[in-house]
N, C-alpha and C. Protein backbone atom coordinates (compact mmCIF):
# COMPACT_ATOMS: atom_id res chain seq x y z
N MET A 1 -10.25 -12.24 -1.85
CA MET A 1 -10.43 -13.03 -0.64
C MET A 1 -9.77 -12.32 0.53
N ILE A 2 -10.30 -12.62 1.70
CA ILE A 2 -9.69 -12.11 2.93
C ILE A 2 -9.51 -13.27 3.91
N GLU A 3 -8.56 -13.11 4.79
CA GLU A 3 -8.33 -14.08 5.86
C GLU A 3 -8.49 -13.37 7.19
N THR A 4 -9.16 -14.03 8.11
CA THR A 4 -9.23 -13.52 9.47
C THR A 4 -8.48 -14.49 10.37
N HIS A 5 -7.73 -13.94 11.29
CA HIS A 5 -6.96 -14.74 12.24
C HIS A 5 -7.40 -14.35 13.65
N PHE A 6 -7.94 -15.32 14.37
CA PHE A 6 -8.29 -15.15 15.77
C PHE A 6 -7.28 -15.96 16.56
N SER A 7 -6.55 -15.31 17.45
CA SER A 7 -5.64 -16.06 18.32
C SER A 7 -6.06 -15.81 19.75
N TYR A 8 -5.82 -16.82 20.58
CA TYR A 8 -6.23 -16.70 21.98
C TYR A 8 -5.56 -17.76 22.82
N ASP A 9 -5.69 -17.58 24.15
CA ASP A 9 -5.23 -18.55 25.14
C ASP A 9 -6.43 -19.13 25.86
N LEU A 10 -6.33 -20.37 26.25
CA LEU A 10 -7.36 -20.98 27.08
C LEU A 10 -7.24 -20.44 28.49
N LEU A 11 -8.37 -20.17 29.13
CA LEU A 11 -8.34 -19.72 30.52
C LEU A 11 -7.89 -20.88 31.41
N PRO A 12 -7.15 -20.59 32.47
CA PRO A 12 -6.62 -21.65 33.32
C PRO A 12 -7.70 -22.56 33.91
N ASN A 13 -8.88 -22.03 34.16
CA ASN A 13 -9.94 -22.82 34.77
C ASN A 13 -10.99 -23.30 33.75
N ALA A 14 -10.66 -23.24 32.47
CA ALA A 14 -11.61 -23.61 31.43
C ALA A 14 -11.99 -25.09 31.52
N ASP A 15 -13.26 -25.37 31.37
CA ASP A 15 -13.77 -26.74 31.32
C ASP A 15 -13.45 -27.28 29.92
N MET A 16 -12.45 -28.14 29.81
CA MET A 16 -11.97 -28.59 28.51
C MET A 16 -13.01 -29.43 27.74
N LYS A 17 -13.83 -30.19 28.44
CA LYS A 17 -14.87 -30.94 27.74
C LYS A 17 -15.89 -29.98 27.14
N ALA A 18 -16.32 -29.00 27.92
CA ALA A 18 -17.27 -28.01 27.42
C ALA A 18 -16.66 -27.20 26.27
N TYR A 19 -15.37 -26.86 26.40
CA TYR A 19 -14.69 -26.14 25.32
C TYR A 19 -14.66 -26.99 24.05
N GLY A 20 -14.33 -28.28 24.19
CA GLY A 20 -14.32 -29.17 23.03
C GLY A 20 -15.68 -29.26 22.37
N ASP A 21 -16.73 -29.32 23.16
CA ASP A 21 -18.10 -29.35 22.61
C ASP A 21 -18.40 -28.04 21.89
N TRP A 22 -17.97 -26.92 22.49
CA TRP A 22 -18.18 -25.62 21.84
C TRP A 22 -17.44 -25.56 20.50
N VAL A 23 -16.21 -26.06 20.46
CA VAL A 23 -15.42 -26.06 19.21
C VAL A 23 -16.16 -26.84 18.13
N LYS A 24 -16.63 -28.03 18.44
CA LYS A 24 -17.34 -28.85 17.44
C LYS A 24 -18.56 -28.13 16.91
N LYS A 25 -19.35 -27.54 17.81
CA LYS A 25 -20.55 -26.81 17.40
C LYS A 25 -20.19 -25.59 16.54
N THR A 26 -19.14 -24.89 16.96
CA THR A 26 -18.72 -23.69 16.25
C THR A 26 -18.21 -24.00 14.85
N VAL A 27 -17.40 -25.04 14.72
CA VAL A 27 -16.87 -25.42 13.40
C VAL A 27 -18.01 -25.80 12.47
N LYS A 28 -18.97 -26.55 12.96
CA LYS A 28 -20.12 -26.92 12.13
C LYS A 28 -20.86 -25.66 11.65
N THR A 29 -21.07 -24.73 12.55
CA THR A 29 -21.75 -23.48 12.20
C THR A 29 -20.94 -22.67 11.20
N MET A 30 -19.63 -22.58 11.42
CA MET A 30 -18.76 -21.84 10.50
C MET A 30 -18.85 -22.39 9.09
N LEU A 31 -18.81 -23.71 8.97
CA LEU A 31 -18.81 -24.34 7.64
C LEU A 31 -20.11 -24.13 6.89
N GLU A 32 -21.15 -23.69 7.57
CA GLU A 32 -22.44 -23.43 6.93
C GLU A 32 -22.59 -21.97 6.48
N GLN A 33 -21.61 -21.12 6.75
CA GLN A 33 -21.74 -19.70 6.47
C GLN A 33 -21.50 -19.38 4.99
N PRO A 34 -22.40 -18.59 4.39
CA PRO A 34 -22.21 -18.18 2.98
C PRO A 34 -20.91 -17.38 2.83
N GLY A 35 -20.15 -17.69 1.81
CA GLY A 35 -18.92 -16.97 1.52
C GLY A 35 -17.68 -17.54 2.17
N LEU A 36 -17.84 -18.51 3.08
CA LEU A 36 -16.66 -19.10 3.71
C LEU A 36 -15.98 -20.04 2.72
N VAL A 37 -14.69 -19.85 2.54
CA VAL A 37 -13.90 -20.69 1.63
C VAL A 37 -13.18 -21.79 2.40
N GLU A 38 -12.65 -21.44 3.58
CA GLU A 38 -11.83 -22.39 4.34
C GLU A 38 -11.81 -21.98 5.80
N PHE A 39 -11.73 -22.98 6.67
CA PHE A 39 -11.56 -22.75 8.10
C PHE A 39 -10.51 -23.73 8.60
N ARG A 40 -9.57 -23.23 9.38
CA ARG A 40 -8.55 -24.12 9.96
C ARG A 40 -8.15 -23.59 11.33
N ALA A 41 -7.68 -24.49 12.16
CA ALA A 41 -7.22 -24.12 13.50
C ALA A 41 -5.84 -24.74 13.72
N GLN A 42 -5.02 -24.02 14.47
CA GLN A 42 -3.66 -24.47 14.74
C GLN A 42 -3.33 -24.19 16.19
N ARG A 43 -2.37 -24.96 16.71
CA ARG A 43 -1.88 -24.71 18.06
C ARG A 43 -0.46 -24.19 17.95
N ASN A 44 -0.10 -23.36 18.90
CA ASN A 44 1.24 -22.79 18.95
C ASN A 44 2.12 -23.77 19.73
N VAL A 45 3.09 -24.35 19.07
CA VAL A 45 3.95 -25.33 19.73
C VAL A 45 4.99 -24.68 20.66
N LEU A 46 5.10 -23.36 20.61
CA LEU A 46 6.10 -22.67 21.42
C LEU A 46 5.53 -21.85 22.57
N GLY A 47 4.20 -21.80 22.72
CA GLY A 47 3.69 -21.03 23.86
C GLY A 47 2.41 -20.29 23.58
N THR A 48 2.48 -18.97 23.74
CA THR A 48 1.28 -18.15 23.68
C THR A 48 1.32 -17.20 22.49
N PRO A 49 0.22 -16.86 21.88
CA PRO A 49 -1.10 -17.41 22.14
C PRO A 49 -1.15 -18.90 21.80
N GLN A 50 -2.01 -19.62 22.48
CA GLN A 50 -2.05 -21.07 22.33
C GLN A 50 -2.74 -21.53 21.05
N ILE A 51 -3.72 -20.78 20.60
CA ILE A 51 -4.56 -21.24 19.48
C ILE A 51 -4.74 -20.11 18.48
N ARG A 52 -4.75 -20.50 17.19
CA ARG A 52 -5.08 -19.57 16.12
C ARG A 52 -6.12 -20.23 15.24
N ALA A 53 -7.21 -19.54 15.01
CA ALA A 53 -8.25 -20.01 14.10
C ALA A 53 -8.27 -19.07 12.91
N THR A 54 -8.17 -19.63 11.71
CA THR A 54 -8.13 -18.85 10.49
C THR A 54 -9.34 -19.18 9.65
N SER A 55 -10.00 -18.14 9.18
CA SER A 55 -11.11 -18.34 8.24
C SER A 55 -10.81 -17.52 6.99
N VAL A 56 -11.09 -18.11 5.84
CA VAL A 56 -10.88 -17.45 4.56
C VAL A 56 -12.27 -17.23 3.95
N TRP A 57 -12.51 -16.01 3.53
CA TRP A 57 -13.82 -15.61 3.01
C TRP A 57 -13.68 -15.09 1.58
N GLN A 58 -14.72 -15.29 0.79
CA GLN A 58 -14.68 -14.80 -0.59
C GLN A 58 -14.55 -13.28 -0.63
N THR A 59 -15.29 -12.59 0.24
CA THR A 59 -15.23 -11.12 0.26
C THR A 59 -15.29 -10.62 1.70
N LEU A 60 -14.86 -9.38 1.88
CA LEU A 60 -14.97 -8.73 3.18
C LEU A 60 -16.44 -8.61 3.57
N ALA A 61 -17.31 -8.39 2.59
CA ALA A 61 -18.75 -8.28 2.86
C ALA A 61 -19.30 -9.59 3.44
N ASP A 62 -18.83 -10.74 2.94
CA ASP A 62 -19.28 -12.03 3.48
C ASP A 62 -18.91 -12.14 4.95
N TRP A 63 -17.67 -11.81 5.27
CA TRP A 63 -17.22 -11.89 6.66
C TRP A 63 -17.99 -10.89 7.53
N SER A 64 -18.20 -9.69 7.01
CA SER A 64 -18.93 -8.67 7.76
C SER A 64 -20.35 -9.11 8.08
N ARG A 65 -21.02 -9.71 7.11
CA ARG A 65 -22.38 -10.21 7.36
C ARG A 65 -22.38 -11.25 8.48
N PHE A 66 -21.37 -12.10 8.46
CA PHE A 66 -21.28 -13.14 9.49
C PHE A 66 -21.06 -12.54 10.88
N ILE A 67 -20.07 -11.66 11.02
CA ILE A 67 -19.77 -11.15 12.37
C ILE A 67 -20.86 -10.22 12.89
N GLU A 68 -21.69 -9.67 12.02
CA GLU A 68 -22.80 -8.83 12.46
C GLU A 68 -24.04 -9.66 12.78
N SER A 69 -23.98 -10.95 12.53
CA SER A 69 -25.15 -11.81 12.74
C SER A 69 -25.30 -12.21 14.20
N GLY A 70 -26.50 -12.60 14.57
CA GLY A 70 -26.74 -13.12 15.89
C GLY A 70 -25.97 -14.40 16.14
N THR A 71 -25.72 -15.16 15.07
CA THR A 71 -24.96 -16.41 15.18
C THR A 71 -23.58 -16.12 15.75
N TRP A 72 -22.88 -15.16 15.18
CA TRP A 72 -21.54 -14.83 15.67
C TRP A 72 -21.59 -14.25 17.07
N GLN A 73 -22.57 -13.41 17.34
CA GLN A 73 -22.66 -12.80 18.67
C GLN A 73 -22.79 -13.88 19.75
N THR A 74 -23.59 -14.90 19.48
CA THR A 74 -23.74 -16.01 20.43
C THR A 74 -22.45 -16.80 20.56
N MET A 75 -21.82 -17.12 19.42
CA MET A 75 -20.57 -17.88 19.44
C MET A 75 -19.50 -17.14 20.23
N GLN A 76 -19.40 -15.85 20.02
CA GLN A 76 -18.37 -15.05 20.69
C GLN A 76 -18.62 -14.99 22.19
N ALA A 77 -19.86 -14.81 22.59
CA ALA A 77 -20.16 -14.75 24.03
C ALA A 77 -19.79 -16.08 24.70
N GLU A 78 -20.12 -17.19 24.06
CA GLU A 78 -19.77 -18.50 24.60
C GLU A 78 -18.26 -18.69 24.64
N MET A 79 -17.57 -18.23 23.60
CA MET A 79 -16.11 -18.38 23.52
C MET A 79 -15.42 -17.72 24.70
N ARG A 80 -15.90 -16.59 25.12
CA ARG A 80 -15.26 -15.83 26.20
C ARG A 80 -15.33 -16.53 27.55
N THR A 81 -16.14 -17.58 27.68
CA THR A 81 -16.16 -18.34 28.93
C THR A 81 -14.98 -19.31 28.99
N TYR A 82 -14.32 -19.55 27.86
CA TYR A 82 -13.22 -20.51 27.79
C TYR A 82 -11.87 -19.87 27.49
N VAL A 83 -11.87 -18.68 26.88
CA VAL A 83 -10.61 -18.12 26.37
C VAL A 83 -10.42 -16.67 26.78
N GLY A 84 -9.16 -16.23 26.73
CA GLY A 84 -8.78 -14.85 26.97
C GLY A 84 -7.64 -14.48 26.04
N ASN A 85 -7.14 -13.26 26.20
CA ASN A 85 -6.03 -12.79 25.37
C ASN A 85 -6.36 -12.90 23.88
N ILE A 86 -7.56 -12.47 23.52
CA ILE A 86 -8.05 -12.60 22.14
C ILE A 86 -7.46 -11.49 21.27
N ASP A 87 -6.96 -11.88 20.11
CA ASP A 87 -6.45 -10.93 19.13
C ASP A 87 -7.07 -11.28 17.79
N VAL A 88 -7.52 -10.27 17.05
CA VAL A 88 -8.14 -10.48 15.75
C VAL A 88 -7.37 -9.68 14.70
N GLN A 89 -7.06 -10.34 13.60
CA GLN A 89 -6.42 -9.67 12.47
C GLN A 89 -7.19 -10.03 11.20
N ILE A 90 -7.29 -9.06 10.30
CA ILE A 90 -7.96 -9.27 9.01
C ILE A 90 -6.96 -8.94 7.92
N TRP A 91 -6.74 -9.90 7.03
CA TRP A 91 -5.74 -9.76 5.98
C TRP A 91 -6.40 -9.85 4.61
N GLY A 92 -6.00 -8.98 3.70
CA GLY A 92 -6.46 -9.02 2.31
C GLY A 92 -5.32 -9.48 1.41
N SER A 93 -5.65 -9.68 0.16
CA SER A 93 -4.66 -10.13 -0.82
C SER A 93 -3.63 -9.05 -1.10
N SER A 94 -2.42 -9.46 -1.39
CA SER A 94 -1.36 -8.54 -1.78
C SER A 94 -1.59 -8.12 -3.24
N PRO A 95 -1.47 -6.84 -3.54
CA PRO A 95 -1.60 -6.43 -4.94
C PRO A 95 -0.46 -6.96 -5.82
N LEU A 96 0.69 -7.28 -5.21
CA LEU A 96 1.82 -7.79 -5.96
C LEU A 96 1.78 -9.30 -6.14
N MET A 97 1.17 -10.00 -5.20
CA MET A 97 1.03 -11.46 -5.26
C MET A 97 -0.35 -11.86 -4.77
N PRO A 98 -1.37 -11.66 -5.59
CA PRO A 98 -2.73 -11.93 -5.14
C PRO A 98 -3.05 -13.42 -4.95
N GLU A 99 -2.28 -14.30 -5.54
CA GLU A 99 -2.51 -15.74 -5.42
C GLU A 99 -1.30 -16.40 -4.76
N PRO A 100 -1.52 -17.50 -4.04
CA PRO A 100 -0.38 -18.22 -3.44
C PRO A 100 0.60 -18.71 -4.49
N LEU A 101 1.87 -18.73 -4.13
CA LEU A 101 2.91 -19.27 -5.00
C LEU A 101 3.28 -20.66 -4.48
N ARG A 102 3.42 -21.59 -5.38
CA ARG A 102 3.78 -22.96 -4.99
C ARG A 102 4.87 -23.47 -5.91
N PRO A 103 5.71 -24.39 -5.41
CA PRO A 103 6.74 -24.95 -6.28
C PRO A 103 6.11 -25.61 -7.51
N GLY A 104 6.80 -25.56 -8.63
CA GLY A 104 6.32 -26.18 -9.86
C GLY A 104 6.22 -27.68 -9.74
N LYS A 105 5.28 -28.22 -10.48
CA LYS A 105 5.12 -29.69 -10.47
C LYS A 105 5.61 -30.29 -11.75
């Protein structure tokens, strides 16, 4: 599995209603993508970047197919009307700890 992290700040003049509508449409589209395991979004309680969106994919190939699609190209173009300071990171599993560790039950 791989995780992608998109972090960004909202533009000062962003139309928040339009941004909220874009988020709803984007999340619906994301959840329909083959290979997507999980999608979550978080806000930074201490400042910037303001938002981080994380998607978990079964394989790097699944994520690659998505970002090369017209669907992603449209989503990204629309996103740039609301946000700036975009940073993208792609993370793979650790060879030493490939699965999450959790306290025993």
